[in-house]
Amino acid sequence: MDWLPIIAMVLEFLQDCMENRNRAEIMAGVRNPGPRETFALWYILRKECKLRGKELRDAVQEGLAYGREMPECVMNDLLDEAEAKRVAATET
């Protein structure tokens, strides 16, 4: 599975839901995921990829592992894109 666009959606989801979280807290959450990050990934995989059951559970575990190992420069780029989308959405 191509995890980069899915992790980008997770970061965007987290930014939209948690406007009071700063960039460092979001990055720390992806590195050491808690219930919020796990739910965000689960929700996106279920909605966008139409996964269910064992496939969904396995994909969530794989995605969480991918997020933990993602290079910081890539995560910064994804956060920049998510922030730009959020700003553009509020300007219209």
PDB file of N, CA and C in Angstrom:
ATOM      1  N   MET A   1       0.852  -1.178   0.000  1.00  0.00           N
ATOM      2  CA  MET A   1       0.000   0.000   0.000  1.00  0.00           C
ATOM      3  C   MET A   1       0.891   1.232   0.000  1.00  0.00           C
ATOM      4  N   ASP A   2       0.493   2.258  -0.711  1.00  0.00           N
ATOM      5  CA  ASP A   2       1.234   3.518  -0.753  1.00  0.00           C
ATOM      6  C   ASP A   2       0.828   4.355   0.462  1.00  0.00           C
ATOM      7  N   TRP A   3       1.684   4.396   1.459  1.00  0.00           N
ATOM      8  CA  TRP A   3       1.333   5.013   2.731  1.00  0.00           C
ATOM      9  C   TRP A   3       1.472   6.530   2.746  1.00  0.00           C
ATOM     10  N   LEU A   4       2.278   7.096   1.883  1.00  0.00           N
ATOM     11  CA  LEU A   4       2.511   8.536   1.917  1.00  0.00           C
ATOM     12  C   LEU A   4       1.225   9.350   1.804  1.00  0.00           C
ATOM     13  N   PRO A   5       0.344   9.086   0.817  1.00  0.00           N
ATOM     14  CA  PRO A   5      -0.885   9.881   0.760  1.00  0.00           C
ATOM     15  C   PRO A   5      -1.823   9.614   1.939  1.00  0.00           C
ATOM     16  N   ILE A   6      -1.789   8.415   2.468  1.00  0.00           N
ATOM     17  CA  ILE A   6      -2.662   8.110   3.610  1.00  0.00           C
ATOM     18  C   ILE A   6      -2.164   8.828   4.851  1.00  0.00           C
ATOM     19  N   ILE A   7      -0.856   8.825   5.080  1.00  0.00           N
ATOM     20  CA  ILE A   7      -0.306   9.548   6.231  1.00  0.00           C
ATOM     21  C   ILE A   7      -0.564  11.041   6.064  1.00  0.00           C
ATOM     22  N   ALA A   8      -0.506  11.541   4.841  1.00  0.00           N
ATOM     23  CA  ALA A   8      -0.824  12.956   4.598  1.00  0.00           C
ATOM     24  C   ALA A   8      -2.265  13.259   5.014  1.00  0.00           C
ATOM     25  N   MET A   9      -3.188  12.349   4.689  1.00  0.00           N
ATOM     26  CA  MET A   9      -4.587  12.541   5.095  1.00  0.00           C
ATOM     27  C   MET A   9      -4.729  12.486   6.614  1.00  0.00           C
ATOM     28  N   VAL A  10      -3.966  11.613   7.257  1.00  0.00           N
ATOM     29  CA  VAL A  10      -4.011  11.521   8.722  1.00  0.00           C
ATOM     30  C   VAL A  10      -3.532  12.829   9.337  1.00  0.00           C
ATOM     31  N   LEU A  11      -2.443  13.369   8.825  1.00  0.00           N
ATOM     32  CA  LEU A  11      -1.929  14.630   9.362  1.00  0.00           C
ATOM     33  C   LEU A  11      -2.940  15.760   9.162  1.00  0.00           C
ATOM     34  N   GLU A  12      -3.547  15.798   7.988  1.00  0.00           N
ATOM     35  CA  GLU A  12      -4.565  16.816   7.719  1.00  0.00           C
ATOM     36  C   GLU A  12      -5.758  16.643   8.657  1.00  0.00           C
ATOM     37  N   PHE A  13      -6.182  15.404   8.852  1.00  0.00           N
ATOM     38  CA  PHE A  13      -7.288  15.086   9.757  1.00  0.00           C
ATOM     39  C   PHE A  13      -6.961  15.561  11.174  1.00  0.00           C
ATOM     40  N   LEU A  14      -5.750  15.272  11.632  1.00  0.00           N
ATOM     41  CA  LEU A  14      -5.354  15.666  12.980  1.00  0.00           C
ATOM     42  C   LEU A  14      -5.292  17.181  13.123  1.00  0.00           C
ATOM     43  N   GLN A  15      -4.810  17.861  12.086  1.00  0.00           N
ATOM     44  CA  GLN A  15      -4.764  19.322  12.146  1.00  0.00           C
ATOM     45  C   GLN A  15      -6.163  19.910  12.184  1.00  0.00           C
ATOM     46  N   ASP A  16      -7.071  19.372  11.393  1.00  0.00           N
ATOM     47  CA  ASP A  16      -8.431  19.884  11.370  1.00  0.00           C
ATOM     48  C   ASP A  16      -9.136  19.662  12.697  1.00  0.00           C
ATOM     49  N   CYS A  17      -8.938  18.493  13.282  1.00  0.00           N
ATOM     50  CA  CYS A  17      -9.634  18.154  14.526  1.00  0.00           C
ATOM     51  C   CYS A  17      -8.997  18.792  15.749  1.00  0.00           C
ATOM     52  N   MET A  18      -7.731  19.021  15.682  1.00  0.00           N
ATOM     53  CA  MET A  18      -7.016  19.478  16.865  1.00  0.00           C
ATOM     54  C   MET A  18      -6.315  20.799  16.591  1.00  0.00           C
ATOM     55  N   GLU A  19      -7.085  21.838  16.380  1.00  0.00           N
ATOM     56  CA  GLU A  19      -6.505  23.133  16.058  1.00  0.00           C
ATOM     57  C   GLU A  19      -5.646  23.681  17.197  1.00  0.00           C
ATOM     58  N   ASN A  20      -5.867  23.166  18.405  1.00  0.00           N
ATOM     59  CA  ASN A  20      -5.078  23.649  19.535  1.00  0.00           C
ATOM     60  C   ASN A  20      -3.766  22.878  19.690  1.00  0.00           C
ATOM     61  N   ARG A  21      -3.492  21.909  18.806  1.00  0.00           N
ATOM     62  CA  ARG A  21      -2.214  21.186  18.846  1.00  0.00           C
ATOM     63  C   ARG A  21      -1.224  21.870  17.927  1.00  0.00           C
ATOM     64  N   ASN A  22       0.000  21.982  18.394  1.00  0.00           N
ATOM     65  CA  ASN A  22       1.011  22.587  17.536  1.00  0.00           C
ATOM     66  C   ASN A  22       1.714  21.512  16.711  1.00  0.00           C
ATOM     67  N   ARG A  23       2.554  21.949  15.832  1.00  0.00           N
ATOM     68  CA  ARG A  23       3.234  21.061  14.892  1.00  0.00           C
ATOM     69  C   ARG A  23       4.034  19.969  15.612  1.00  0.00           C
ATOM     70  N   ALA A  24       4.741  20.355  16.672  1.00  0.00           N
ATOM     71  CA  ALA A  24       5.560  19.388  17.408  1.00  0.00           C
ATOM     72  C   ALA A  24       4.694  18.306  18.058  1.00  0.00           C
ATOM     73  N   GLU A  25       3.530  18.683  18.578  1.00  0.00           N
ATOM     74  CA  GLU A  25       2.637  17.697  19.196  1.00  0.00           C
ATOM     75  C   GLU A  25       2.076  16.725  18.156  1.00  0.00           C
ATOM     76  N   ILE A  26       1.755  17.227  16.970  1.00  0.00           N
ATOM     77  CA  ILE A  26       1.242  16.356  15.907  1.00  0.00           C
ATOM     78  C   ILE A  26       2.327  15.386  15.461  1.00  0.00           C
ATOM     79  N   MET A  27       3.542  15.881  15.277  1.00  0.00           N
ATOM     80  CA  MET A  27       4.640  15.008  14.874  1.00  0.00           C
ATOM     81  C   MET A  27       4.938  13.969  15.950  1.00  0.00           C
ATOM     82  N   ALA A  28       4.907  14.379  17.198  1.00  0.00           N
ATOM     83  CA  ALA A  28       5.144  13.437  18.302  1.00  0.00           C
ATOM     84  C   ALA A  28       4.048  12.379  18.336  1.00  0.00           C
ATOM     85  N   GLY A  29       2.829  12.763  18.014  1.00  0.00           N
ATOM     86  CA  GLY A  29       1.727  11.807  17.982  1.00  0.00           C
ATOM     87  C   GLY A  29       1.878  10.769  16.893  1.00  0.00           C
ATOM     88  N   VAL A  30       2.428  11.162  15.758  1.00  0.00           N
ATOM     89  CA  VAL A  30       2.654  10.204  14.672  1.00  0.00           C
ATOM     90  C   VAL A  30       3.820   9.279  15.032  1.00  0.00           C
ATOM     91  N   ARG A  31       4.825   9.812  15.695  1.00  0.00           N
ATOM     92  CA  ARG A  31       5.968   9.001  16.110  1.00  0.00           C
ATOM     93  C   ARG A  31       5.604   8.007  17.216  1.00  0.00           C
ATOM     94  N   ASN A  32       4.758   8.448  18.123  1.00  0.00           N
ATOM     95  CA  ASN A  32       4.338   7.615  19.246  1.00  0.00           C
ATOM     96  C   ASN A  32       2.815   7.681  19.317  1.00  0.00           C
ATOM     97  N   PRO A  33       2.123   6.961  18.414  1.00  0.00           N
ATOM     98  CA  PRO A  33       0.677   7.134  18.259  1.00  0.00           C
ATOM     99  C   PRO A  33      -0.128   6.685  19.472  1.00  0.00           C
ATOM    100  N   GLY A  34      -1.114   7.500  19.769  1.00  0.00           N
ATOM    101  CA  GLY A  34      -2.070   7.176  20.812  1.00  0.00           C
ATOM    102  C   GLY A  34      -3.421   6.882  20.188  1.00  0.00           C
ATOM    103  N   PRO A  35      -4.471   6.916  20.997  1.00  0.00           N
ATOM    104  CA  PRO A  35      -5.808   6.607  20.478  1.00  0.00           C
ATOM    105  C   PRO A  35      -6.263   7.566  19.376  1.00  0.00           C
ATOM    106  N   ARG A  36      -5.933   8.829  19.490  1.00  0.00           N
ATOM    107  CA  ARG A  36      -6.360   9.827  18.502  1.00  0.00           C
ATOM    108  C   ARG A  36      -5.769   9.537  17.125  1.00  0.00           C
ATOM    109  N   GLU A  37      -4.465   9.269  17.093  1.00  0.00           N
ATOM    110  CA  GLU A  37      -3.797   8.995  15.821  1.00  0.00           C
ATOM    111  C   GLU A  37      -4.245   7.650  15.241  1.00  0.00           C
ATOM    112  N   THR A  38      -4.423   6.676  16.117  1.00  0.00           N
ATOM    113  CA  THR A  38      -4.884   5.361  15.666  1.00  0.00           C
ATOM    114  C   THR A  38      -6.279   5.465  15.064  1.00  0.00           C
ATOM    115  N   PHE A  39      -7.163   6.210  15.731  1.00  0.00           N
ATOM    116  CA  PHE A  39      -8.511   6.386  15.201  1.00  0.00           C
ATOM    117  C   PHE A  39      -8.487   7.115  13.864  1.00  0.00           C
ATOM    118  N   ALA A  40      -7.662   8.150  13.761  1.00  0.00           N
ATOM    119  CA  ALA A  40      -7.584   8.907  12.504  1.00  0.00           C
ATOM    120  C   ALA A  40      -7.182   7.996  11.353  1.00  0.00           C
ATOM    121  N   LEU A  41      -6.178   7.162  11.566  1.00  0.00           N
ATOM    122  CA  LEU A  41      -5.739   6.240  10.524  1.00  0.00           C
ATOM    123  C   LEU A  41      -6.825   5.216  10.219  1.00  0.00           C
ATOM    124  N   TRP A  42      -7.441   4.666  11.250  1.00  0.00           N
ATOM    125  CA  TRP A  42      -8.521   3.689  11.083  1.00  0.00           C
ATOM    126  C   TRP A  42      -9.661   4.300  10.263  1.00  0.00           C
ATOM    127  N   TYR A  43     -10.064   5.515  10.624  1.00  0.00           N
ATOM    128  CA  TYR A  43     -11.162   6.201   9.954  1.00  0.00           C
ATOM    129  C   TYR A  43     -10.858   6.420   8.474  1.00  0.00           C
ATOM    130  N   ILE A  44      -9.658   6.881   8.171  1.00  0.00           N
ATOM    131  CA  ILE A  44      -9.293   7.174   6.788  1.00  0.00           C
ATOM    132  C   ILE A  44      -9.178   5.894   5.968  1.00  0.00           C
ATOM    133  N   LEU A  45      -8.572   4.859   6.538  1.00  0.00           N
ATOM    134  CA  LEU A  45      -8.466   3.591   5.800  1.00  0.00           C
ATOM    135  C   LEU A  45      -9.838   2.984   5.550  1.00  0.00           C
ATOM    136  N   ARG A  46     -10.717   3.101   6.502  1.00  0.00           N
ATOM    137  CA  ARG A  46     -12.062   2.554   6.341  1.00  0.00           C
ATOM    138  C   ARG A  46     -12.849   3.339   5.289  1.00  0.00           C
ATOM    139  N   LYS A  47     -12.732   4.671   5.345  1.00  0.00           N
ATOM    140  CA  LYS A  47     -13.496   5.524   4.448  1.00  0.00           C
ATOM    141  C   LYS A  47     -12.907   5.559   3.025  1.00  0.00           C
ATOM    142  N   GLU A  48     -11.612   5.780   2.916  1.00  0.00           N
ATOM    143  CA  GLU A  48     -10.984   5.978   1.610  1.00  0.00           C
ATOM    144  C   GLU A  48     -10.637   4.667   0.906  1.00  0.00           C
ATOM    145  N   CYS A  49     -10.206   3.672   1.664  1.00  0.00           N
ATOM    146  CA  CYS A  49      -9.754   2.411   1.060  1.00  0.00           C
ATOM    147  C   CYS A  49     -10.794   1.309   1.183  1.00  0.00           C
ATOM    148  N   LYS A  50     -11.888   1.597   1.884  1.00  0.00           N
ATOM    149  CA  LYS A  50     -12.991   0.636   2.044  1.00  0.00           C
ATOM    150  C   LYS A  50     -12.534  -0.687   2.673  1.00  0.00           C
ATOM    151  N   LEU A  51     -11.579  -0.612   3.601  1.00  0.00           N
ATOM    152  CA  LEU A  51     -11.093  -1.818   4.272  1.00  0.00           C
ATOM    153  C   LEU A  51     -11.995  -2.161   5.447  1.00  0.00           C
ATOM    154  N   ARG A  52     -12.071  -3.446   5.754  1.00  0.00           N
ATOM    155  CA  ARG A  52     -12.881  -3.929   6.868  1.00  0.00           C
ATOM    156  C   ARG A  52     -12.164  -5.108   7.527  1.00  0.00           C
ATOM    157  N   GLY A  53     -12.533  -5.407   8.746  1.00  0.00           N
ATOM    158  CA  GLY A  53     -12.078  -6.604   9.434  1.00  0.00           C
ATOM    159  C   GLY A  53     -10.573  -6.705   9.595  1.00  0.00           C
ATOM    160  N   LYS A  54     -10.064  -7.902   9.345  1.00  0.00           N
ATOM    161  CA  LYS A  54      -8.639  -8.189   9.521  1.00  0.00           C
ATOM    162  C   LYS A  54      -7.782  -7.332   8.599  1.00  0.00           C
ATOM    163  N   GLU A  55      -8.250  -7.103   7.381  1.00  0.00           N
ATOM    164  CA  GLU A  55      -7.491  -6.246   6.452  1.00  0.00           C
ATOM    165  C   GLU A  55      -7.321  -4.845   7.031  1.00  0.00           C
ATOM    166  N   LEU A  56      -8.384  -4.310   7.625  1.00  0.00           N
ATOM    167  CA  LEU A  56      -8.326  -2.978   8.230  1.00  0.00           C
ATOM    168  C   LEU A  56      -7.371  -2.980   9.411  1.00  0.00           C
ATOM    169  N   ARG A  57      -7.492  -3.975  10.279  1.00  0.00           N
ATOM    170  CA  ARG A  57      -6.629  -4.056  11.459  1.00  0.00           C
ATOM    171  C   ARG A  57      -5.157  -4.143  11.056  1.00  0.00           C
ATOM    172  N   ASP A  58      -4.857  -5.000  10.085  1.00  0.00           N
ATOM    173  CA  ASP A  58      -3.479  -5.154   9.628  1.00  0.00           C
ATOM    174  C   ASP A  58      -2.955  -3.876   8.976  1.00  0.00           C
ATOM    175  N   ALA A  59      -3.810  -3.216   8.198  1.00  0.00           N
ATOM    176  CA  ALA A  59      -3.399  -1.975   7.536  1.00  0.00           C
ATOM    177  C   ALA A  59      -3.145  -0.870   8.552  1.00  0.00           C
ATOM    178  N   VAL A  60      -3.949  -0.802   9.603  1.00  0.00           N
ATOM    179  CA  VAL A  60      -3.725   0.201  10.656  1.00  0.00           C
ATOM    180  C   VAL A  60      -2.367  -0.039  11.305  1.00  0.00           C
ATOM    181  N   GLN A  61      -2.056  -1.273  11.646  1.00  0.00           N
ATOM    182  CA  GLN A  61      -0.764  -1.584  12.259  1.00  0.00           C
ATOM    183  C   GLN A  61       0.390  -1.234  11.328  1.00  0.00           C
ATOM    184  N   GLU A  62       0.234  -1.545  10.050  1.00  0.00           N
ATOM    185  CA  GLU A  62       1.272  -1.229   9.067  1.00  0.00           C
ATOM    186  C   GLU A  62       1.439   0.283   8.915  1.00  0.00           C
ATOM    187  N   GLY A  63       0.336   0.998   8.877  1.00  0.00           N
ATOM    188  CA  GLY A  63       0.385   2.459   8.753  1.00  0.00           C
ATOM    189  C   GLY A  63       1.008   3.127   9.964  1.00  0.00           C
ATOM    190  N   LEU A  64       0.691   2.637  11.159  1.00  0.00           N
ATOM    191  CA  LEU A  64       1.295   3.193  12.370  1.00  0.00           C
ATOM    192  C   LEU A  64       2.804   2.972  12.365  1.00  0.00           C
ATOM    193  N   ALA A  65       3.233   1.790  11.925  1.00  0.00           N
ATOM    194  CA  ALA A  65       4.666   1.500  11.825  1.00  0.00           C
ATOM    195  C   ALA A  65       5.332   2.428  10.805  1.00  0.00           C
ATOM    196  N   TYR A  66       4.647   2.654   9.685  1.00  0.00           N
ATOM    197  CA  TYR A  66       5.188   3.548   8.660  1.00  0.00           C
ATOM    198  C   TYR A  66       5.349   4.965   9.224  1.00  0.00           C
ATOM    199  N   GLY A  67       4.352   5.433   9.965  1.00  0.00           N
ATOM    200  CA  GLY A  67       4.430   6.769  10.550  1.00  0.00           C
ATOM    201  C   GLY A  67       5.575   6.908  11.540  1.00  0.00           C
ATOM    202  N   ARG A  68       5.820   5.858  12.319  1.00  0.00           N
ATOM    203  CA  ARG A  68       6.923   5.898  13.291  1.00  0.00           C
ATOM    204  C   ARG A  68       8.276   6.024  12.597  1.00  0.00           C
ATOM    205  N   GLU A  69       8.407   5.413  11.420  1.00  0.00           N
ATOM    206  CA  GLU A  69       9.695   5.367  10.723  1.00  0.00           C
ATOM    207  C   GLU A  69       9.862   6.467   9.672  1.00  0.00           C
ATOM    208  N   MET A  70       8.831   7.277   9.457  1.00  0.00           N
ATOM    209  CA  MET A  70       8.874   8.300   8.418  1.00  0.00           C
ATOM    210  C   MET A  70       9.956   9.338   8.728  1.00  0.00           C
ATOM    211  N   PRO A  71      10.770   9.695   7.728  1.00  0.00           N
ATOM    212  CA  PRO A  71      11.785  10.729   7.938  1.00  0.00           C
ATOM    213  C   PRO A  71      11.134  12.066   8.319  1.00  0.00           C
ATOM    214  N   GLU A  72      11.805  12.800   9.181  1.00  0.00           N
ATOM    215  CA  GLU A  72      11.251  14.067   9.667  1.00  0.00           C
ATOM    216  C   GLU A  72      11.035  15.073   8.540  1.00  0.00           C
ATOM    217  N   CYS A  73      11.930  15.089   7.545  1.00  0.00           N
ATOM    218  CA  CYS A  73      11.774  16.049   6.443  1.00  0.00           C
ATOM    219  C   CYS A  73      10.510  15.756   5.637  1.00  0.00           C
ATOM    220  N   VAL A  74      10.177  14.488   5.452  1.00  0.00           N
ATOM    221  CA  VAL A  74       8.957  14.119   4.724  1.00  0.00           C
ATOM    222  C   VAL A  74       7.734  14.520   5.544  1.00  0.00           C
ATOM    223  N   MET A  75       7.783  14.278   6.851  1.00  0.00           N
ATOM    224  CA  MET A  75       6.658  14.647   7.705  1.00  0.00           C
ATOM    225  C   MET A  75       6.458  16.161   7.707  1.00  0.00           C
ATOM    226  N   ASN A  76       7.535  16.922   7.720  1.00  0.00           N
ATOM    227  CA  ASN A  76       7.426  18.384   7.658  1.00  0.00           C
ATOM    228  C   ASN A  76       6.777  18.829   6.356  1.00  0.00           C
ATOM    229  N   ASP A  77       7.166  18.204   5.246  1.00  0.00           N
ATOM    230  CA  ASP A  77       6.562  18.540   3.945  1.00  0.00           C
ATOM    231  C   ASP A  77       5.061  18.244   3.949  1.00  0.00           C
ATOM    232  N   LEU A  78       4.682  17.090   4.499  1.00  0.00           N
ATOM    233  CA  LEU A  78       3.263  16.718   4.558  1.00  0.00           C
ATOM    234  C   LEU A  78       2.483  17.670   5.457  1.00  0.00           C
ATOM    235  N   LEU A  79       3.074  18.065   6.568  1.00  0.00           N
ATOM    236  CA  LEU A  79       2.405  19.028   7.448  1.00  0.00           C
ATOM    237  C   LEU A  79       2.248  20.377   6.771  1.00  0.00           C
ATOM    238  N   ASP A  80       3.262  20.798   6.018  1.00  0.00           N
ATOM    239  CA  ASP A  80       3.159  22.059   5.267  1.00  0.00           C
ATOM    240  C   ASP A  80       2.003  22.003   4.276  1.00  0.00           C
ATOM    241  N   GLU A  81       1.884  20.886   3.554  1.00  0.00           N
ATOM    242  CA  GLU A  81       0.791  20.726   2.593  1.00  0.00           C
ATOM    243  C   GLU A  81      -0.568  20.727   3.288  1.00  0.00           C
ATOM    244  N   ALA A  82      -0.671  20.010   4.405  1.00  0.00           N
ATOM    245  CA  ALA A  82      -1.937  19.945   5.140  1.00  0.00           C
ATOM    246  C   ALA A  82      -2.320  21.322   5.674  1.00  0.00           C
ATOM    247  N   GLU A  83      -1.330  22.063   6.161  1.00  0.00           N
ATOM    248  CA  GLU A  83      -1.604  23.405   6.678  1.00  0.00           C
ATOM    249  C   GLU A  83      -2.036  24.338   5.555  1.00  0.00           C
ATOM    250  N   ALA A  84      -1.391  24.237   4.402  1.00  0.00           N
ATOM    251  CA  ALA A  84      -1.777  25.071   3.262  1.00  0.00           C
ATOM    252  C   ALA A  84      -3.194  24.779   2.819  1.00  0.00           C
ATOM    253  N   LYS A  85      -3.589  23.497   2.818  1.00  0.00           N
ATOM    254  CA  LYS A  85      -4.964  23.139   2.458  1.00  0.00           C
ATOM    255  C   LYS A  85      -5.946  23.706   3.462  1.00  0.00           C
ATOM    256  N   ARG A  86      -5.599  23.635   4.745  1.00  0.00           N
ATOM    257  CA  ARG A  86      -6.506  24.130   5.780  1.00  0.00           C
ATOM    258  C   ARG A  86      -6.660  25.642   5.666  1.00  0.00           C
ATOM    259  N   VAL A  87      -5.582  26.354   5.417  1.00  0.00           N
ATOM    260  CA  VAL A  87      -5.636  27.809   5.259  1.00  0.00           C
ATOM    261  C   VAL A  87      -6.444  28.182   4.025  1.00  0.00           C
ATOM    262  N   ALA A  88      -6.226  27.461   2.922  1.00  0.00           N
ATOM    263  CA  ALA A  88      -6.981  27.733   1.691  1.00  0.00           C
ATOM    264  C   ALA A  88      -8.465  27.491   1.893  1.00  0.00           C
ATOM    265  N   ALA A  89      -8.806  26.471   2.660  1.00  0.00           N
ATOM    266  CA  ALA A  89     -10.214  26.163   2.903  1.00  0.00           C
ATOM    267  C   ALA A  89     -10.886  27.230   3.757  1.00  0.00           C
ATOM    268  N   THR A  90     -10.153  27.837   4.674  1.00  0.00           N
ATOM    269  CA  THR A  90     -10.753  28.866   5.527  1.00  0.00           C
ATOM    270  C   THR A  90     -10.850  30.198   4.811  1.00  0.00           C
ATOM    271  N   GLU A  91     -10.038  30.402   3.770  1.00  0.00           N
ATOM    272  CA  GLU A  91     -10.072  31.667   3.025  1.00  0.00           C
ATOM    273  C   GLU A  91     -11.230  31.730   2.032  1.00  0.00           C
ATOM    274  N   THR A  92     -11.780  30.598   1.635  1.00  0.00           N
ATOM    275  CA  THR A  92     -12.858  30.614   0.645  1.00  0.00           C
ATOM    276  C   THR A  92     -14.199  30.736   1.276  1.00  0.00           C
TER     277      THR A  92
END
